[in-house]
Amino acid sequence: MSLLVVTYRARPDLAADNQAHVEAVFGELDDCAPDGLRYACLRLADDRFVHLADLAGEVNPLLTLDTFGRFSATVAARCEPGHEPNAQPARLVGNYRLLG
């Protein structure tokens, strides 16, 4: 298990557009159901987005998705300056019925 957390803040005028891109990624995930991935995204009230990925293997299945390619190629342009995506590995400290 390898946990990855990505955070960024979208510009308020582009936050809905960013959410639509994220929803498209989840739509493609529903269609292809790749193994080795558990993934969630949260949108906070201040238009920050938090992506949580649990990767079982060495290869991130998100990188094979067309929708994720389009999302990741344009996400920085939808962000507040200085709040572009920041990806960090994470360790699970505690979990109560949220993560499998």
PDB file of N, CA and C in Angstrom:
ATOM      1  N   MET A   1       0.856  -1.183   0.000  1.00  0.00           N
ATOM      2  CA  MET A   1       0.000   0.000   0.000  1.00  0.00           C
ATOM      3  C   MET A   1       0.893   1.234   0.000  1.00  0.00           C
ATOM      4  N   SER A   2       0.597   2.143  -0.891  1.00  0.00           N
ATOM      5  CA  SER A   2       1.320   3.403  -0.980  1.00  0.00           C
ATOM      6  C   SER A   2       0.294   4.531  -1.043  1.00  0.00           C
ATOM      7  N   LEU A   3       0.278   5.363  -0.019  1.00  0.00           N
ATOM      8  CA  LEU A   3      -0.686   6.459   0.033  1.00  0.00           C
ATOM      9  C   LEU A   3      -0.065   7.731  -0.532  1.00  0.00           C
ATOM     10  N   LEU A   4      -0.850   8.444  -1.315  1.00  0.00           N
ATOM     11  CA  LEU A   4      -0.438   9.707  -1.902  1.00  0.00           C
ATOM     12  C   LEU A   4      -1.555  10.719  -1.671  1.00  0.00           C
ATOM     13  N   VAL A   5      -1.177  11.914  -1.224  1.00  0.00           N
ATOM     14  CA  VAL A   5      -2.139  12.999  -1.006  1.00  0.00           C
ATOM     15  C   VAL A   5      -1.712  14.181  -1.872  1.00  0.00           C
ATOM     16  N   VAL A   6      -2.664  14.704  -2.644  1.00  0.00           N
ATOM     17  CA  VAL A   6      -2.407  15.870  -3.497  1.00  0.00           C
ATOM     18  C   VAL A   6      -3.387  16.960  -3.091  1.00  0.00           C
ATOM     19  N   THR A   7      -2.860  18.145  -2.797  1.00  0.00           N
ATOM     20  CA  THR A   7      -3.706  19.272  -2.414  1.00  0.00           C
ATOM     21  C   THR A   7      -3.416  20.466  -3.306  1.00  0.00           C
ATOM     22  N   TYR A   8      -4.444  21.270  -3.542  1.00  0.00           N
ATOM     23  CA  TYR A   8      -4.301  22.519  -4.285  1.00  0.00           C
ATOM     24  C   TYR A   8      -5.562  23.341  -4.080  1.00  0.00           C
ATOM     25  N   ARG A   9      -5.480  24.623  -4.407  1.00  0.00           N
ATOM     26  CA  ARG A   9      -6.652  25.504  -4.306  1.00  0.00           C
ATOM     27  C   ARG A   9      -6.989  26.026  -5.694  1.00  0.00           C
ATOM     28  N   ALA A  10      -8.210  25.769  -6.115  1.00  0.00           N
ATOM     29  CA  ALA A  10      -8.675  26.250  -7.411  1.00  0.00           C
ATOM     30  C   ALA A  10      -9.098  27.710  -7.303  1.00  0.00           C
ATOM     31  N   ARG A  11      -8.956  28.425  -8.413  1.00  0.00           N
ATOM     32  CA  ARG A  11      -9.510  29.787  -8.464  1.00  0.00           C
ATOM     33  C   ARG A  11     -11.026  29.666  -8.335  1.00  0.00           C
ATOM     34  N   PRO A  12     -11.659  30.548  -7.584  1.00  0.00           N
ATOM     35  CA  PRO A  12     -13.111  30.445  -7.391  1.00  0.00           C
ATOM     36  C   PRO A  12     -13.895  30.402  -8.703  1.00  0.00           C
ATOM     37  N   ASP A  13     -13.447  31.153  -9.703  1.00  0.00           N
ATOM     38  CA  ASP A  13     -14.169  31.171 -10.979  1.00  0.00           C
ATOM     39  C   ASP A  13     -13.933  29.907 -11.802  1.00  0.00           C
ATOM     40  N   LEU A  14     -12.974  29.064 -11.408  1.00  0.00           N
ATOM     41  CA  LEU A  14     -12.676  27.845 -12.145  1.00  0.00           C
ATOM     42  C   LEU A  14     -12.857  26.574 -11.308  1.00  0.00           C
ATOM     43  N   ALA A  15     -13.317  26.720 -10.074  1.00  0.00           N
ATOM     44  CA  ALA A  15     -13.470  25.559  -9.195  1.00  0.00           C
ATOM     45  C   ALA A  15     -14.518  24.580  -9.724  1.00  0.00           C
ATOM     46  N   ALA A  16     -15.619  25.082 -10.252  1.00  0.00           N
ATOM     47  CA  ALA A  16     -16.646  24.188 -10.809  1.00  0.00           C
ATOM     48  C   ALA A  16     -16.112  23.448 -12.030  1.00  0.00           C
ATOM     49  N   ASP A  17     -15.315  24.129 -12.852  1.00  0.00           N
ATOM     50  CA  ASP A  17     -14.694  23.498 -14.008  1.00  0.00           C
ATOM     51  C   ASP A  17     -13.725  22.410 -13.546  1.00  0.00           C
ATOM     52  N   ASN A  18     -12.955  22.695 -12.515  1.00  0.00           N
ATOM     53  CA  ASN A  18     -12.037  21.696 -11.976  1.00  0.00           C
ATOM     54  C   ASN A  18     -12.811  20.481 -11.469  1.00  0.00           C
ATOM     55  N   GLN A  19     -13.903  20.740 -10.761  1.00  0.00           N
ATOM     56  CA  GLN A  19     -14.717  19.638 -10.260  1.00  0.00           C
ATOM     57  C   GLN A  19     -15.243  18.789 -11.413  1.00  0.00           C
ATOM     58  N   ALA A  20     -15.654  19.420 -12.501  1.00  0.00           N
ATOM     59  CA  ALA A  20     -16.130  18.668 -13.663  1.00  0.00           C
ATOM     60  C   ALA A  20     -15.030  17.773 -14.233  1.00  0.00           C
ATOM     61  N   HIS A  21     -13.799  18.268 -14.277  1.00  0.00           N
ATOM     62  CA  HIS A  21     -12.675  17.443 -14.728  1.00  0.00           C
ATOM     63  C   HIS A  21     -12.481  16.233 -13.809  1.00  0.00           C
ATOM     64  N   VAL A  22     -12.548  16.471 -12.504  1.00  0.00           N
ATOM     65  CA  VAL A  22     -12.385  15.386 -11.537  1.00  0.00           C
ATOM     66  C   VAL A  22     -13.511  14.365 -11.709  1.00  0.00           C
ATOM     67  N   GLU A  23     -14.724  14.836 -11.865  1.00  0.00           N
ATOM     68  CA  GLU A  23     -15.860  13.924 -12.049  1.00  0.00           C
ATOM     69  C   GLU A  23     -15.704  13.091 -13.311  1.00  0.00           C
ATOM     70  N   ALA A  24     -15.111  13.667 -14.361  1.00  0.00           N
ATOM     71  CA  ALA A  24     -14.860  12.905 -15.586  1.00  0.00           C
ATOM     72  C   ALA A  24     -13.860  11.772 -15.326  1.00  0.00           C
ATOM     73  N   VAL A  25     -12.852  12.050 -14.509  1.00  0.00           N
ATOM     74  CA  VAL A  25     -11.884  11.002 -14.145  1.00  0.00           C
ATOM     75  C   VAL A  25     -12.605   9.863 -13.436  1.00  0.00           C
ATOM     76  N   PHE A  26     -13.468  10.193 -12.482  1.00  0.00           N
ATOM     77  CA  PHE A  26     -14.196   9.147 -11.766  1.00  0.00           C
ATOM     78  C   PHE A  26     -15.148   8.394 -12.683  1.00  0.00           C
ATOM     79  N   GLY A  27     -15.714   9.064 -13.671  1.00  0.00           N
ATOM     80  CA  GLY A  27     -16.552   8.380 -14.649  1.00  0.00           C
ATOM     81  C   GLY A  27     -15.765   7.341 -15.429  1.00  0.00           C
ATOM     82  N   GLU A  28     -14.554   7.706 -15.866  1.00  0.00           N
ATOM     83  CA  GLU A  28     -13.722   6.747 -16.581  1.00  0.00           C
ATOM     84  C   GLU A  28     -13.271   5.616 -15.654  1.00  0.00           C
ATOM     85  N   LEU A  29     -12.971   5.938 -14.394  1.00  0.00           N
ATOM     86  CA  LEU A  29     -12.623   4.884 -13.434  1.00  0.00           C
ATOM     87  C   LEU A  29     -13.770   3.891 -13.267  1.00  0.00           C
ATOM     88  N   ASP A  30     -14.993   4.401 -13.207  1.00  0.00           N
ATOM     89  CA  ASP A  30     -16.158   3.510 -13.100  1.00  0.00           C
ATOM     90  C   ASP A  30     -16.255   2.593 -14.309  1.00  0.00           C
ATOM     91  N   ASP A  31     -15.921   3.113 -15.485  1.00  0.00           N
ATOM     92  CA  ASP A  31     -16.010   2.322 -16.721  1.00  0.00           C
ATOM     93  C   ASP A  31     -14.927   1.258 -16.813  1.00  0.00           C
ATOM     94  N   CYS A  32     -13.700   1.594 -16.449  1.00  0.00           N
ATOM     95  CA  CYS A  32     -12.589   0.653 -16.663  1.00  0.00           C
ATOM     96  C   CYS A  32     -12.174  -0.107 -15.405  1.00  0.00           C
ATOM     97  N   ALA A  33     -12.522   0.375 -14.225  1.00  0.00           N
ATOM     98  CA  ALA A  33     -12.276  -0.291 -12.938  1.00  0.00           C
ATOM     99  C   ALA A  33     -10.880  -0.905 -12.841  1.00  0.00           C
ATOM    100  N   PRO A  34      -9.833  -0.071 -12.883  1.00  0.00           N
ATOM    101  CA  PRO A  34      -8.480  -0.641 -12.810  1.00  0.00           C
ATOM    102  C   PRO A  34      -8.179  -1.238 -11.436  1.00  0.00           C
ATOM    103  N   ASP A  35      -7.414  -2.311 -11.462  1.00  0.00           N
ATOM    104  CA  ASP A  35      -6.965  -2.916 -10.207  1.00  0.00           C
ATOM    105  C   ASP A  35      -5.845  -2.072  -9.610  1.00  0.00           C
ATOM    106  N   GLY A  36      -5.627  -2.238  -8.335  1.00  0.00           N
ATOM    107  CA  GLY A  36      -4.485  -1.611  -7.676  1.00  0.00           C
ATOM    108  C   GLY A  36      -4.661  -0.150  -7.320  1.00  0.00           C
ATOM    109  N   LEU A  37      -5.904   0.319  -7.269  1.00  0.00           N
ATOM    110  CA  LEU A  37      -6.144   1.728  -6.966  1.00  0.00           C
ATOM    111  C   LEU A  37      -7.396   1.887  -6.124  1.00  0.00           C
ATOM    112  N   ARG A  38      -7.258   2.674  -5.066  1.00  0.00           N
ATOM    113  CA  ARG A  38      -8.412   3.221  -4.336  1.00  0.00           C
ATOM    114  C   ARG A  38      -8.180   4.713  -4.336  1.00  0.00           C
ATOM    115  N   TYR A  39      -9.226   5.481  -4.634  1.00  0.00           N
ATOM    116  CA  TYR A  39      -9.030   6.906  -4.921  1.00  0.00           C
ATOM    117  C   TYR A  39     -10.256   7.693  -4.500  1.00  0.00           C
ATOM    118  N   ALA A  40     -10.023   8.856  -3.913  1.00  0.00           N
ATOM    119  CA  ALA A  40     -11.108   9.753  -3.523  1.00  0.00           C
ATOM    120  C   ALA A  40     -10.644  11.191  -3.699  1.00  0.00           C
ATOM    121  N   CYS A  41     -11.599  12.083  -3.888  1.00  0.00           N
ATOM    122  CA  CYS A  41     -11.292  13.506  -3.977  1.00  0.00           C
ATOM    123  C   CYS A  41     -12.317  14.266  -3.148  1.00  0.00           C
ATOM    124  N   LEU A  42     -11.836  15.229  -2.391  1.00  0.00           N
ATOM    125  CA  LEU A  42     -12.692  16.097  -1.582  1.00  0.00           C
ATOM    126  C   LEU A  42     -12.555  17.528  -2.083  1.00  0.00           C
ATOM    127  N   ARG A  43     -13.676  18.245  -2.113  1.00  0.00           N
ATOM    128  CA  ARG A  43     -13.645  19.692  -2.388  1.00  0.00           C
ATOM    129  C   ARG A  43     -14.059  20.391  -1.104  1.00  0.00           C
ATOM    130  N   LEU A  44     -13.161  21.216  -0.587  1.00  0.00           N
ATOM    131  CA  LEU A  44     -13.440  21.941   0.648  1.00  0.00           C
ATOM    132  C   LEU A  44     -14.172  23.244   0.342  1.00  0.00           C
ATOM    133  N   ALA A  45     -14.747  23.848   1.360  1.00  0.00           N
ATOM    134  CA  ALA A  45     -15.567  25.055   1.196  1.00  0.00           C
ATOM    135  C   ALA A  45     -14.791  26.225   0.591  1.00  0.00           C
ATOM    136  N   ASP A  46     -13.467  26.252   0.780  1.00  0.00           N
ATOM    137  CA  ASP A  46     -12.664  27.353   0.244  1.00  0.00           C
ATOM    138  C   ASP A  46     -12.061  27.022  -1.132  1.00  0.00           C
ATOM    139  N   ASP A  47     -12.639  26.035  -1.813  1.00  0.00           N
ATOM    140  CA  ASP A  47     -12.213  25.592  -3.149  1.00  0.00           C
ATOM    141  C   ASP A  47     -10.847  24.920  -3.170  1.00  0.00           C
ATOM    142  N   ARG A  48     -10.409  24.433  -2.009  1.00  0.00           N
ATOM    143  CA  ARG A  48      -9.247  23.546  -2.003  1.00  0.00           C
ATOM    144  C   ARG A  48      -9.737  22.147  -2.352  1.00  0.00           C
ATOM    145  N   PHE A  49      -8.914  21.435  -3.088  1.00  0.00           N
ATOM    146  CA  PHE A  49      -9.202  20.048  -3.437  1.00  0.00           C
ATOM    147  C   PHE A  49      -8.150  19.169  -2.782  1.00  0.00           C
ATOM    148  N   VAL A  50      -8.598  18.026  -2.283  1.00  0.00           N
ATOM    149  CA  VAL A  50      -7.714  17.058  -1.652  1.00  0.00           C
ATOM    150  C   VAL A  50      -7.967  15.714  -2.339  1.00  0.00           C
ATOM    151  N   HIS A  51      -6.943  15.192  -2.983  1.00  0.00           N
ATOM    152  CA  HIS A  51      -7.028  13.890  -3.638  1.00  0.00           C
ATOM    153  C   HIS A  51      -6.271  12.886  -2.777  1.00  0.00           C
ATOM    154  N   LEU A  52      -6.884  11.736  -2.535  1.00  0.00           N
ATOM    155  CA  LEU A  52      -6.276  10.661  -1.764  1.00  0.00           C
ATOM    156  C   LEU A  52      -6.203   9.428  -2.655  1.00  0.00           C
ATOM    157  N   ALA A  53      -5.023   8.906  -2.834  1.00  0.00           N
ATOM    158  CA  ALA A  53      -4.847   7.703  -3.650  1.00  0.00           C
ATOM    159  C   ALA A  53      -4.113   6.645  -2.858  1.00  0.00           C
ATOM    160  N   ASP A  54      -4.617   5.443  -2.909  1.00  0.00           N
ATOM    161  CA  ASP A  54      -3.978   4.273  -2.308  1.00  0.00           C
ATOM    162  C   ASP A  54      -3.574   3.367  -3.462  1.00  0.00           C
ATOM    163  N   LEU A  55      -2.282   3.282  -3.699  1.00  0.00           N
ATOM    164  CA  LEU A  55      -1.752   2.543  -4.842  1.00  0.00           C
ATOM    165  C   LEU A  55      -1.189   1.216  -4.368  1.00  0.00           C
ATOM    166  N   ALA A  56      -1.644   0.132  -4.983  1.00  0.00           N
ATOM    167  CA  ALA A  56      -1.198  -1.197  -4.576  1.00  0.00           C
ATOM    168  C   ALA A  56       0.090  -1.608  -5.274  1.00  0.00           C
ATOM    169  N   GLY A  57       0.349  -1.079  -6.455  1.00  0.00           N
ATOM    170  CA  GLY A  57       1.522  -1.499  -7.209  1.00  0.00           C
ATOM    171  C   GLY A  57       2.482  -0.357  -7.453  1.00  0.00           C
ATOM    172  N   GLU A  58       3.443  -0.621  -8.300  1.00  0.00           N
ATOM    173  CA  GLU A  58       4.465   0.374  -8.647  1.00  0.00           C
ATOM    174  C   GLU A  58       3.947   1.413  -9.625  1.00  0.00           C
ATOM    175  N   VAL A  59       2.927   1.057 -10.413  1.00  0.00           N
ATOM    176  CA  VAL A  59       2.400   1.927 -11.461  1.00  0.00           C
ATOM    177  C   VAL A  59       1.068   2.514 -11.010  1.00  0.00           C
ATOM    178  N   ASN A  60       0.925   3.826 -11.168  1.00  0.00           N
ATOM    179  CA  ASN A  60      -0.322   4.503 -10.832  1.00  0.00           C
ATOM    180  C   ASN A  60      -1.302   4.331 -11.995  1.00  0.00           C
ATOM    181  N   PRO A  61      -2.409   3.574 -11.805  1.00  0.00           N
ATOM    182  CA  PRO A  61      -3.367   3.359 -12.887  1.00  0.00           C
ATOM    183  C   PRO A  61      -4.002   4.649 -13.412  1.00  0.00           C
ATOM    184  N   LEU A  62      -4.012   5.702 -12.602  1.00  0.00           N
ATOM    185  CA  LEU A  62      -4.577   6.969 -13.077  1.00  0.00           C
ATOM    186  C   LEU A  62      -3.829   7.483 -14.309  1.00  0.00           C
ATOM    187  N   LEU A  63      -2.545   7.196 -14.374  1.00  0.00           N
ATOM    188  CA  LEU A  63      -1.723   7.705 -15.470  1.00  0.00           C
ATOM    189  C   LEU A  63      -2.086   7.100 -16.821  1.00  0.00           C
ATOM    190  N   THR A  64      -2.896   6.056 -16.820  1.00  0.00           N
ATOM    191  CA  THR A  64      -3.315   5.420 -18.072  1.00  0.00           C
ATOM    192  C   THR A  64      -4.639   5.979 -18.597  1.00  0.00           C
ATOM    193  N   LEU A  65      -5.293   6.831 -17.829  1.00  0.00           N
ATOM    194  CA  LEU A  65      -6.624   7.336 -18.201  1.00  0.00           C
ATOM    195  C   LEU A  65      -6.534   8.602 -19.045  1.00  0.00           C
ATOM    196  N   ASP A  66      -7.304   8.646 -20.124  1.00  0.00           N
ATOM    197  CA  ASP A  66      -7.358   9.853 -20.962  1.00  0.00           C
ATOM    198  C   ASP A  66      -7.861  11.049 -20.170  1.00  0.00           C
ATOM    199  N   THR A  67      -8.902  10.844 -19.371  1.00  0.00           N
ATOM    200  CA  THR A  67      -9.476  11.955 -18.604  1.00  0.00           C
ATOM    201  C   THR A  67      -8.485  12.493 -17.589  1.00  0.00           C
ATOM    202  N   PHE A  68      -7.698  11.616 -16.983  1.00  0.00           N
ATOM    203  CA  PHE A  68      -6.704  12.077 -16.008  1.00  0.00           C
ATOM    204  C   PHE A  68      -5.589  12.843 -16.717  1.00  0.00           C
ATOM    205  N   GLY A  69      -5.232  12.420 -17.907  1.00  0.00           N
ATOM    206  CA  GLY A  69      -4.229  13.146 -18.678  1.00  0.00           C
ATOM    207  C   GLY A  69      -4.683  14.566 -18.976  1.00  0.00           C
ATOM    208  N   ARG A  70      -5.952  14.714 -19.398  1.00  0.00           N
ATOM    209  CA  ARG A  70      -6.487  16.058 -19.664  1.00  0.00           C
ATOM    210  C   ARG A  70      -6.572  16.876 -18.382  1.00  0.00           C
ATOM    211  N   PHE A  71      -7.018  16.246 -17.297  1.00  0.00           N
ATOM    212  CA  PHE A  71      -7.110  16.932 -16.011  1.00  0.00           C
ATOM    213  C   PHE A  71      -5.736  17.428 -15.566  1.00  0.00           C
ATOM    214  N   SER A  72      -4.758  16.537 -15.544  1.00  0.00           N
ATOM    215  CA  SER A  72      -3.451  16.902 -15.000  1.00  0.00           C
ATOM    216  C   SER A  72      -2.701  17.891 -15.886  1.00  0.00           C
ATOM    217  N   ALA A  73      -2.982  17.878 -17.186  1.00  0.00           N
ATOM    218  CA  ALA A  73      -2.310  18.818 -18.091  1.00  0.00           C
ATOM    219  C   ALA A  73      -2.788  20.252 -17.897  1.00  0.00           C
ATOM    220  N   THR A  74      -3.978  20.419 -17.316  1.00  0.00           N
ATOM    221  CA  THR A  74      -4.567  21.762 -17.220  1.00  0.00           C
ATOM    222  C   THR A  74      -4.868  22.217 -15.797  1.00  0.00           C
ATOM    223  N   VAL A  75      -4.649  21.365 -14.804  1.00  0.00           N
ATOM    224  CA  VAL A  75      -5.050  21.704 -13.440  1.00  0.00           C
ATOM    225  C   VAL A  75      -4.318  22.935 -12.909  1.00  0.00           C
ATOM    226  N   ALA A  76      -3.050  23.076 -13.181  1.00  0.00           N
ATOM    227  CA  ALA A  76      -2.302  24.229 -12.641  1.00  0.00           C
ATOM    228  C   ALA A  76      -2.892  25.555 -13.113  1.00  0.00           C
ATOM    229  N   ALA A  77      -3.418  25.592 -14.326  1.00  0.00           N
ATOM    230  CA  ALA A  77      -4.019  26.819 -14.853  1.00  0.00           C
ATOM    231  C   ALA A  77      -5.319  27.174 -14.135  1.00  0.00           C
ATOM    232  N   ARG A  78      -5.935  26.208 -13.477  1.00  0.00           N
ATOM    233  CA  ARG A  78      -7.175  26.460 -12.732  1.00  0.00           C
ATOM    234  C   ARG A  78      -6.913  26.808 -11.271  1.00  0.00           C
ATOM    235  N   CYS A  79      -5.652  26.835 -10.871  1.00  0.00           N
ATOM    236  CA  CYS A  79      -5.300  27.053  -9.463  1.00  0.00           C
ATOM    237  C   CYS A  79      -4.998  28.513  -9.159  1.00  0.00           C
ATOM    238  N   GLU A  80      -5.218  28.852  -7.889  1.00  0.00           N
ATOM    239  CA  GLU A  80      -4.775  30.144  -7.378  1.00  0.00           C
ATOM    240  C   GLU A  80      -3.250  30.177  -7.466  1.00  0.00           C
ATOM    241  N   PRO A  81      -2.670  31.310  -7.858  1.00  0.00           N
ATOM    242  CA  PRO A  81      -1.212  31.399  -7.879  1.00  0.00           C
ATOM    243  C   PRO A  81      -0.620  31.047  -6.510  1.00  0.00           C
ATOM    244  N   GLY A  82       0.400  30.215  -6.530  1.00  0.00           N
ATOM    245  CA  GLY A  82       1.027  29.781  -5.295  1.00  0.00           C
ATOM    246  C   GLY A  82       0.341  28.606  -4.618  1.00  0.00           C
ATOM    247  N   HIS A  83      -0.752  28.118  -5.196  1.00  0.00           N
ATOM    248  CA  HIS A  83      -1.505  26.999  -4.613  1.00  0.00           C
ATOM    249  C   HIS A  83      -1.689  25.875  -5.621  1.00  0.00           C
ATOM    250  N   GLU A  84      -0.688  25.679  -6.471  1.00  0.00           N
ATOM    251  CA  GLU A  84      -0.728  24.622  -7.465  1.00  0.00           C
ATOM    252  C   GLU A  84      -0.633  23.263  -6.775  1.00  0.00           C
ATOM    253  N   PRO A  85      -0.917  22.180  -7.504  1.00  0.00           N
ATOM    254  CA  PRO A  85      -0.906  20.849  -6.894  1.00  0.00           C
ATOM    255  C   PRO A  85       0.406  20.518  -6.189  1.00  0.00           C
ATOM    256  N   ASN A  86       0.251  19.971  -4.999  1.00  0.00           N
ATOM    257  CA  ASN A  86       1.373  19.549  -4.174  1.00  0.00           C
ATOM    258  C   ASN A  86       1.113  18.092  -3.792  1.00  0.00           C
ATOM    259  N   ALA A  87       1.913  17.188  -4.340  1.00  0.00           N
ATOM    260  CA  ALA A  87       1.758  15.764  -4.063  1.00  0.00           C
ATOM    261  C   ALA A  87       2.770  15.333  -3.015  1.00  0.00           C
ATOM    262  N   GLN A  88       2.268  14.585  -2.031  1.00  0.00           N
ATOM    263  CA  GLN A  88       3.144  14.094  -0.971  1.00  0.00           C
ATOM    264  C   GLN A  88       2.755  12.672  -0.591  1.00  0.00           C
ATOM    265  N   PRO A  89       3.749  11.833  -0.358  1.00  0.00           N
ATOM    266  CA  PRO A  89       3.427  10.521   0.201  1.00  0.00           C
ATOM    267  C   PRO A  89       2.913  10.701   1.623  1.00  0.00           C
ATOM    268  N   ALA A  90       2.074   9.777   2.057  1.00  0.00           N
ATOM    269  CA  ALA A  90       1.478   9.881   3.391  1.00  0.00           C
ATOM    270  C   ALA A  90       1.506   8.524   4.081  1.00  0.00           C
ATOM    271  N   ARG A  91       1.455   8.569   5.403  1.00  0.00           N
ATOM    272  CA  ARG A  91       1.328   7.360   6.213  1.00  0.00           C
ATOM    273  C   ARG A  91       0.011   7.427   6.951  1.00  0.00           C
ATOM    274  N   LEU A  92      -0.711   6.339   6.957  1.00  0.00           N
ATOM    275  CA  LEU A  92      -1.967   6.259   7.677  1.00  0.00           C
ATOM    276  C   LEU A  92      -1.683   6.175   9.173  1.00  0.00           C
ATOM    277  N   VAL A  93      -2.217   7.122   9.918  1.00  0.00           N
ATOM    278  CA  VAL A  93      -2.018   7.174  11.362  1.00  0.00           C
ATOM    279  C   VAL A  93      -3.197   6.542  12.090  1.00  0.00           C
ATOM    280  N   GLY A  94      -4.380   6.763  11.587  1.00  0.00           N
ATOM    281  CA  GLY A  94      -5.584   6.204  12.175  1.00  0.00           C
ATOM    282  C   GLY A  94      -6.681   6.128  11.130  1.00  0.00           C
ATOM    283  N   ASN A  95      -7.620   5.218  11.337  1.00  0.00           N
ATOM    284  CA  ASN A  95      -8.692   5.027  10.378  1.00  0.00           C
ATOM    285  C   ASN A  95      -9.868   4.388  11.094  1.00  0.00           C
ATOM    286  N   TYR A  96     -11.004   5.019  11.007  1.00  0.00           N
ATOM    287  CA  TYR A  96     -12.212   4.423  11.562  1.00  0.00           C
ATOM    288  C   TYR A  96     -13.266   4.355  10.468  1.00  0.00           C
ATOM    289  N   ARG A  97     -13.341   3.231   9.816  1.00  0.00           N
ATOM    290  CA  ARG A  97     -14.370   2.924   8.816  1.00  0.00           C
ATOM    291  C   ARG A  97     -14.362   3.800   7.570  1.00  0.00           C
ATOM    292  N   LEU A  98     -13.338   4.600   7.362  1.00  0.00           N
ATOM    293  CA  LEU A  98     -13.313   5.446   6.176  1.00  0.00           C
ATOM    294  C   LEU A  98     -12.533   4.777   5.047  1.00  0.00           C
ATOM    295  N   LEU A  99     -11.344   4.363   5.346  1.00  0.00           N
ATOM    296  CA  LEU A  99     -10.507   3.707   4.354  1.00  0.00           C
ATOM    297  C   LEU A  99     -10.529   2.204   4.619  1.00  0.00           C
ATOM    298  N   GLY A 100     -10.691   1.431   3.542  1.00  0.00           N
ATOM    299  CA  GLY A 100     -10.800  -0.037   3.619  1.00  0.00           C
ATOM    300  C   GLY A 100      -9.854  -0.723   4.439  1.00  0.00           C
TER     301      GLY A 100
END
